[in-house]
Every structure is written in C-alpha cells, then in structure tokens.
Amino acid sequence: MANIQSSKKDIRQIKKRRERNLPRRSRLRNLKKQLLLLVSEKKIKEAEKVFLIYCSYLDRAGRNHLIPQRRADRYKSRVAKLLNKTRGKDAA
C-alpha cells in the first residue's frame, strides 16, 4: 500500500480509468469479432454497416487515447483490405 498522498491519489485515478476503459476496449473487440464473422459468412451488406460503426469507434478510441492513433489507423486499414478483398471475390 502506498504511503505518499500523491501515490494514493494515483492509485485512485488508475482504478477509475480502468473501470471506464474496460467496457470500451471490450466493445472494440466485440465489434471486430462481429465484423470478421460477417465477412467470413459473406454477409457483405451487414459487414459494411458494422465496418462504419467500427471505424467511427476506432477513431474515437484513438482520439481519446484508449489505443494509440496509429494502431487505430492500422486496424481500419486491415479490415478495409479484408472487406474489399471479400467484396471483389463476390463480384467475380
């Protein structure tokens, strides 16, 4: 247990941040899983809708330092490539 007042305050702040961020991180993971499932099932229309929500949420997560902005950009890029590749196979 911390003895210094600032350390005690830091512990309280970390606990609050953790409680606030856990559901947000969970939502990110769930959106990604949902999107990948839709792509694997070839449900492109539904996947595109979820993709827009996922991108918006990633942008917000990057802006609010939930995850680094570059990681958010990388995730968006990878999922967009996958979606485009799947869309291209259906068109052919």
N, C-alpha and C. Protein backbone atom coordinates (compact mmCIF):
# COMPACT_ATOMS: atom_id res chain seq x y z
N MET A 1 0.84 -1.19 0.00
CA MET A 1 0.00 0.00 0.00
C MET A 1 0.88 1.24 0.00
N ALA A 2 0.47 2.22 -0.77
CA ALA A 2 1.23 3.45 -0.87
C ALA A 2 1.10 4.28 0.41
N ASN A 3 2.18 4.97 0.74
CA ASN A 3 2.18 5.85 1.91
C ASN A 3 2.08 7.31 1.53
N ILE A 4 2.57 7.65 0.37
CA ILE A 4 2.60 9.04 -0.08
C ILE A 4 1.23 9.41 -0.64
N GLN A 5 0.79 10.61 -0.31
CA GLN A 5 -0.55 11.06 -0.70
C GLN A 5 -0.74 11.05 -2.21
N SER A 6 0.26 11.52 -2.95
CA SER A 6 0.14 11.56 -4.41
C SER A 6 0.05 10.15 -4.99
N SER A 7 0.72 9.18 -4.36
CA SER A 7 0.65 7.79 -4.82
C SER A 7 -0.75 7.22 -4.58
N LYS A 8 -1.33 7.58 -3.45
CA LYS A 8 -2.68 7.12 -3.15
C LYS A 8 -3.67 7.68 -4.18
N LYS A 9 -3.50 8.95 -4.49
CA LYS A 9 -4.37 9.58 -5.48
C LYS A 9 -4.18 8.92 -6.84
N ASP A 10 -2.93 8.64 -7.19
CA ASP A 10 -2.62 7.99 -8.47
C ASP A 10 -3.30 6.63 -8.56
N ILE A 11 -3.30 5.89 -7.48
CA ILE A 11 -3.96 4.58 -7.45
C ILE A 11 -5.46 4.74 -7.68
N ARG A 12 -6.06 5.76 -7.06
CA ARG A 12 -7.50 6.00 -7.26
C ARG A 12 -7.79 6.36 -8.72
N GLN A 13 -6.93 7.20 -9.30
CA GLN A 13 -7.15 7.61 -10.68
C GLN A 13 -7.02 6.43 -11.64
N ILE A 14 -6.03 5.59 -11.40
CA ILE A 14 -5.81 4.42 -12.26
C ILE A 14 -7.03 3.49 -12.18
N LYS A 15 -7.56 3.32 -10.99
CA LYS A 15 -8.73 2.46 -10.82
C LYS A 15 -9.93 3.00 -11.59
N LYS A 16 -10.15 4.32 -11.51
CA LYS A 16 -11.26 4.93 -12.24
C LYS A 16 -11.08 4.78 -13.75
N ARG A 17 -9.87 5.02 -14.23
CA ARG A 17 -9.59 4.90 -15.66
C ARG A 17 -9.82 3.48 -16.14
N ARG A 18 -9.36 2.53 -15.33
CA ARG A 18 -9.51 1.12 -15.70
C ARG A 18 -11.00 0.75 -15.80
N GLU A 19 -11.79 1.17 -14.82
CA GLU A 19 -13.22 0.88 -14.85
C GLU A 19 -13.91 1.53 -16.04
N ARG A 20 -13.43 2.69 -16.43
CA ARG A 20 -14.02 3.39 -17.57
C ARG A 20 -13.59 2.78 -18.90
N ASN A 21 -12.34 2.31 -18.97
CA ASN A 21 -11.80 1.84 -20.24
C ASN A 21 -12.10 0.37 -20.55
N LEU A 22 -12.30 -0.45 -19.53
CA LEU A 22 -12.55 -1.88 -19.79
C LEU A 22 -13.75 -2.11 -20.72
N PRO A 23 -14.92 -1.50 -20.46
CA PRO A 23 -16.03 -1.73 -21.37
C PRO A 23 -15.77 -1.19 -22.78
N ARG A 24 -15.01 -0.11 -22.87
CA ARG A 24 -14.70 0.46 -24.18
C ARG A 24 -13.80 -0.47 -24.98
N ARG A 25 -12.80 -1.03 -24.33
CA ARG A 25 -11.92 -1.98 -25.01
C ARG A 25 -12.70 -3.24 -25.42
N SER A 26 -13.58 -3.65 -24.54
CA SER A 26 -14.40 -4.82 -24.83
C SER A 26 -15.28 -4.56 -26.05
N ARG A 27 -15.86 -3.38 -26.14
CA ARG A 27 -16.69 -3.02 -27.29
C ARG A 27 -15.88 -3.05 -28.57
N LEU A 28 -14.66 -2.56 -28.53
CA LEU A 28 -13.79 -2.61 -29.71
C LEU A 28 -13.58 -4.05 -30.16
N ARG A 29 -13.25 -4.91 -29.22
CA ARG A 29 -13.00 -6.32 -29.56
C ARG A 29 -14.27 -6.98 -30.11
N ASN A 30 -15.41 -6.68 -29.49
CA ASN A 30 -16.67 -7.28 -29.94
C ASN A 30 -17.05 -6.82 -31.34
N LEU A 31 -16.86 -5.54 -31.63
CA LEU A 31 -17.15 -5.04 -32.98
C LEU A 31 -16.26 -5.72 -34.02
N LYS A 32 -14.99 -5.89 -33.67
CA LYS A 32 -14.06 -6.53 -34.61
C LYS A 32 -14.47 -7.99 -34.86
N LYS A 33 -14.81 -8.70 -33.79
CA LYS A 33 -15.24 -10.09 -33.93
C LYS A 33 -16.50 -10.18 -34.78
N GLN A 34 -17.44 -9.29 -34.52
CA GLN A 34 -18.70 -9.28 -35.27
C GLN A 34 -18.43 -9.03 -36.75
N LEU A 35 -17.55 -8.09 -37.04
CA LEU A 35 -17.21 -7.75 -38.41
C LEU A 35 -16.54 -8.92 -39.11
N LEU A 36 -15.57 -9.55 -38.45
CA LEU A 36 -14.88 -10.69 -39.06
C LEU A 36 -15.82 -11.86 -39.28
N LEU A 37 -16.76 -12.06 -38.38
CA LEU A 37 -17.74 -13.13 -38.54
C LEU A 37 -18.62 -12.88 -39.76
N LEU A 38 -19.09 -11.64 -39.91
CA LEU A 38 -19.93 -11.30 -41.07
C LEU A 38 -19.16 -11.47 -42.37
N VAL A 39 -17.89 -11.09 -42.38
CA VAL A 39 -17.08 -11.23 -43.60
C VAL A 39 -16.89 -12.71 -43.92
N SER A 40 -16.62 -13.51 -42.90
CA SER A 40 -16.41 -14.94 -43.15
C SER A 40 -17.69 -15.62 -43.63
N GLU A 41 -18.86 -15.09 -43.24
CA GLU A 41 -20.14 -15.63 -43.69
C GLU A 41 -20.60 -15.01 -45.00
N LYS A 42 -19.78 -14.13 -45.57
CA LYS A 42 -20.06 -13.46 -46.85
C LYS A 42 -21.30 -12.57 -46.80
N LYS A 43 -21.58 -12.00 -45.64
CA LYS A 43 -22.68 -11.06 -45.50
C LYS A 43 -22.11 -9.65 -45.63
N ILE A 44 -21.88 -9.25 -46.86
CA ILE A 44 -21.14 -8.02 -47.15
C ILE A 44 -21.92 -6.77 -46.74
N LYS A 45 -23.22 -6.74 -47.02
CA LYS A 45 -24.01 -5.54 -46.69
C LYS A 45 -23.98 -5.26 -45.19
N GLU A 46 -24.20 -6.31 -44.40
CA GLU A 46 -24.18 -6.13 -42.94
C GLU A 46 -22.79 -5.78 -42.46
N ALA A 47 -21.78 -6.39 -43.09
CA ALA A 47 -20.40 -6.14 -42.71
C ALA A 47 -20.02 -4.68 -42.97
N GLU A 48 -20.52 -4.11 -44.06
CA GLU A 48 -20.22 -2.71 -44.37
C GLU A 48 -20.83 -1.77 -43.32
N LYS A 49 -22.02 -2.11 -42.85
CA LYS A 49 -22.64 -1.28 -41.81
C LYS A 49 -21.84 -1.34 -40.51
N VAL A 50 -21.44 -2.55 -40.14
CA VAL A 50 -20.65 -2.72 -38.92
C VAL A 50 -19.28 -2.07 -39.09
N PHE A 51 -18.74 -2.11 -40.31
CA PHE A 51 -17.45 -1.50 -40.59
C PHE A 51 -17.47 0.00 -40.32
N LEU A 52 -18.55 0.66 -40.72
CA LEU A 52 -18.66 2.10 -40.47
C LEU A 52 -18.70 2.41 -38.97
N ILE A 53 -19.44 1.60 -38.23
CA ILE A 53 -19.51 1.77 -36.78
C ILE A 53 -18.15 1.52 -36.16
N TYR A 54 -17.48 0.45 -36.62
CA TYR A 54 -16.17 0.07 -36.10
C TYR A 54 -15.15 1.18 -36.37
N CYS A 55 -15.15 1.73 -37.57
CA CYS A 55 -14.21 2.80 -37.91
C CYS A 55 -14.45 4.03 -37.05
N SER A 56 -15.70 4.38 -36.87
CA SER A 56 -16.03 5.53 -36.04
C SER A 56 -15.55 5.32 -34.61
N TYR A 57 -15.78 4.12 -34.10
CA TYR A 57 -15.37 3.81 -32.73
C TYR A 57 -13.86 3.80 -32.60
N LEU A 58 -13.16 3.29 -33.63
CA LEU A 58 -11.70 3.29 -33.61
C LEU A 58 -11.16 4.72 -33.60
N ASP A 59 -11.75 5.57 -34.42
CA ASP A 59 -11.31 6.97 -34.46
C ASP A 59 -11.47 7.62 -33.09
N ARG A 60 -12.61 7.37 -32.46
CA ARG A 60 -12.86 7.93 -31.13
C ARG A 60 -11.87 7.37 -30.11
N ALA A 61 -11.61 6.07 -30.19
CA ALA A 61 -10.69 5.42 -29.26
C ALA A 61 -9.29 5.99 -29.42
N GLY A 62 -8.88 6.27 -30.65
CA GLY A 62 -7.57 6.86 -30.89
C GLY A 62 -7.49 8.29 -30.39
N ARG A 63 -8.54 9.05 -30.61
CA ARG A 63 -8.57 10.44 -30.16
C ARG A 63 -8.53 10.54 -28.64
N ASN A 64 -9.20 9.60 -27.97
CA ASN A 64 -9.30 9.66 -26.52
C ASN A 64 -8.21 8.85 -25.82
N HIS A 65 -7.22 8.41 -26.57
CA HIS A 65 -6.06 7.69 -26.04
C HIS A 65 -6.42 6.36 -25.39
N LEU A 66 -7.51 5.76 -25.84
CA LEU A 66 -7.82 4.41 -25.39
C LEU A 66 -6.82 3.44 -26.02
N ILE A 67 -6.54 3.67 -27.30
CA ILE A 67 -5.47 2.97 -28.00
C ILE A 67 -4.70 4.04 -28.77
N PRO A 68 -3.46 3.76 -29.17
CA PRO A 68 -2.72 4.74 -29.96
C PRO A 68 -3.39 4.99 -31.31
N GLN A 69 -3.32 6.22 -31.80
CA GLN A 69 -3.98 6.60 -33.04
C GLN A 69 -3.47 5.77 -34.22
N ARG A 70 -2.18 5.50 -34.25
CA ARG A 70 -1.64 4.71 -35.37
C ARG A 70 -2.16 3.29 -35.35
N ARG A 71 -2.38 2.75 -34.18
CA ARG A 71 -2.95 1.40 -34.08
C ARG A 71 -4.37 1.41 -34.62
N ALA A 72 -5.12 2.43 -34.29
CA ALA A 72 -6.49 2.56 -34.80
C ALA A 72 -6.47 2.62 -36.32
N ASP A 73 -5.56 3.41 -36.88
CA ASP A 73 -5.44 3.51 -38.34
C ASP A 73 -5.08 2.17 -38.96
N ARG A 74 -4.17 1.46 -38.32
CA ARG A 74 -3.74 0.15 -38.83
C ARG A 74 -4.90 -0.85 -38.82
N TYR A 75 -5.67 -0.86 -37.74
CA TYR A 75 -6.82 -1.76 -37.66
C TYR A 75 -7.83 -1.46 -38.76
N LYS A 76 -8.11 -0.16 -38.96
CA LYS A 76 -9.06 0.22 -40.01
C LYS A 76 -8.57 -0.23 -41.37
N SER A 77 -7.29 -0.03 -41.62
CA SER A 77 -6.73 -0.40 -42.92
C SER A 77 -6.83 -1.89 -43.17
N ARG A 78 -6.49 -2.68 -42.19
CA ARG A 78 -6.50 -4.14 -42.36
C ARG A 78 -7.92 -4.66 -42.59
N VAL A 79 -8.87 -4.13 -41.85
CA VAL A 79 -10.24 -4.60 -42.01
C VAL A 79 -10.80 -4.13 -43.35
N ALA A 80 -10.45 -2.92 -43.77
CA ALA A 80 -10.91 -2.41 -45.06
C ALA A 80 -10.35 -3.27 -46.20
N LYS A 81 -9.09 -3.65 -46.11
CA LYS A 81 -8.50 -4.53 -47.13
C LYS A 81 -9.24 -5.85 -47.20
N LEU A 82 -9.52 -6.43 -46.03
CA LEU A 82 -10.23 -7.70 -45.98
C LEU A 82 -11.62 -7.56 -46.58
N LEU A 83 -12.31 -6.50 -46.26
CA LEU A 83 -13.65 -6.27 -46.78
C LEU A 83 -13.62 -6.09 -48.30
N ASN A 84 -12.66 -5.32 -48.79
CA ASN A 84 -12.53 -5.11 -50.22
C ASN A 84 -12.20 -6.41 -50.96
N LYS A 85 -11.33 -7.21 -50.36
CA LYS A 85 -10.96 -8.47 -50.98
C LYS A 85 -12.17 -9.40 -51.06
N THR A 86 -12.95 -9.45 -50.00
CA THR A 86 -14.14 -10.29 -49.98
C THR A 86 -15.18 -9.77 -50.97
N ARG A 87 -15.32 -8.47 -51.04
CA ARG A 87 -16.26 -7.87 -51.98
C ARG A 87 -15.86 -8.16 -53.42
N GLY A 88 -14.55 -8.14 -53.68
CA GLY A 88 -14.05 -8.42 -55.03
C GLY A 88 -14.31 -9.85 -55.46
N LYS A 89 -14.22 -10.80 -54.54
CA LYS A 89 -14.48 -12.20 -54.86
C LYS A 89 -15.94 -12.41 -55.21
N ASP A 90 -16.83 -11.71 -54.52
CA ASP A 90 -18.25 -11.86 -54.80
C ASP A 90 -18.63 -11.28 -56.16
N ALA A 91 -17.95 -10.21 -56.57
CA ALA A 91 -18.25 -9.57 -57.84
C ALA A 91 -17.80 -10.43 -59.01
N ALA A 92 -16.74 -11.22 -58.81
CA ALA A 92 -16.21 -12.03 -59.91
C ALA A 92 -17.01 -13.27 -60.20
